[in-house]
């Protein structure tokens, strides 16, 4: 069974970086690492978080760096 509540943790970190006006470089590097760690703990709601940030190319890249992309179509 996966870790479904991790989306709340991820979204909290992502929102904090956005609110702090973190640079794209810091945001991408930080969130790429966070995503990898959450996946290692069997995160199974990645797409829920990704969907919340589809309008942020930096966050989308962080997901893509961990082989998570929004399904087309």
Protein backbone atom coordinates (compact mmCIF):
# COMPACT_ATOMS: atom_id res chain seq x y z
CA UNK A 1 0.00 0.00 0.00
CA UNK A 2 1.33 3.40 -0.96
CA UNK A 3 1.72 6.61 0.97
CA UNK A 4 -1.24 8.68 -0.19
CA UNK A 5 -0.93 11.56 2.29
CA UNK A 6 2.49 12.55 0.98
CA UNK A 7 0.81 14.92 -1.46
CA UNK A 8 0.07 17.21 1.52
CA UNK A 9 3.74 17.22 2.50
CA UNK A 10 4.89 17.87 -1.05
CA UNK A 11 2.33 20.63 -1.63
CA UNK A 12 3.32 22.33 1.63
CA UNK A 13 6.98 22.43 0.59
CA UNK A 14 6.17 23.54 -2.96
CA UNK A 15 3.84 26.28 -1.72
CA UNK A 16 6.45 27.51 0.76
CA UNK A 17 9.07 27.77 -1.99
CA UNK A 18 6.62 29.66 -4.19
CA UNK A 19 5.64 32.00 -1.37
CA UNK A 20 9.31 32.66 -0.55
CA UNK A 21 9.95 33.56 -4.20
CA UNK A 22 12.64 30.90 -4.43
CA UNK A 23 14.57 30.95 -7.68
CA UNK A 24 13.64 28.38 -10.29
CA UNK A 25 16.99 26.69 -9.71
CA UNK A 26 16.42 26.30 -5.97
CA UNK A 27 12.79 25.27 -6.43
CA UNK A 28 13.64 22.63 -9.03
CA UNK A 29 16.62 21.21 -7.15
CA UNK A 30 14.74 21.07 -3.86
CA UNK A 31 11.55 19.58 -5.24
CA UNK A 32 13.38 17.05 -7.40
CA UNK A 33 15.00 15.75 -4.22
CA UNK A 34 11.74 15.82 -2.24
CA UNK A 35 9.93 13.91 -4.98
CA UNK A 36 12.68 11.26 -5.09
CA UNK A 37 12.52 10.79 -1.32
CA UNK A 38 8.74 10.54 -1.29
CA UNK A 39 8.85 7.99 -4.12
CA UNK A 40 11.36 5.95 -2.12
CA UNK A 41 8.71 5.83 0.63
CA UNK A 42 6.09 4.51 -1.85
CA UNK A 43 4.32 7.79 -2.64
CA UNK A 44 1.29 6.91 -4.72
CA UNK A 45 -0.47 10.26 -5.19
CA UNK A 46 2.21 11.98 -7.27
CA UNK A 47 -0.24 12.89 -10.00
CA UNK A 48 -2.50 14.63 -7.51
CA UNK A 49 0.36 16.96 -6.59
CA UNK A 50 1.54 17.35 -10.16
CA UNK A 51 -1.94 18.36 -11.24
CA UNK A 52 -1.88 21.19 -8.69
CA UNK A 53 1.24 22.67 -10.30
CA UNK A 54 0.79 22.09 -14.02
CA UNK A 55 1.01 25.85 -14.54
CA UNK A 56 4.50 25.96 -12.99
CA UNK A 57 7.09 24.70 -15.53
CA UNK A 58 9.79 24.45 -12.88
CA UNK A 59 7.75 22.08 -10.73
CA UNK A 60 6.69 20.11 -13.79
CA UNK A 61 10.42 19.66 -14.62
CA UNK A 62 11.10 18.42 -11.08
CA UNK A 63 8.44 15.76 -11.52
CA UNK A 64 9.74 14.86 -14.98
CA UNK A 65 13.24 14.43 -13.55
CA UNK A 66 11.69 11.66 -11.45
CA UNK A 67 9.87 10.09 -14.42
CA UNK A 68 6.48 11.51 -13.46
CA UNK A 69 4.60 13.25 -16.24
CA UNK A 70 1.01 14.30 -16.74
CA UNK A 71 -0.85 11.84 -18.98
CA UNK A 72 -1.71 13.34 -22.36
CA UNK A 73 -5.09 13.01 -23.88
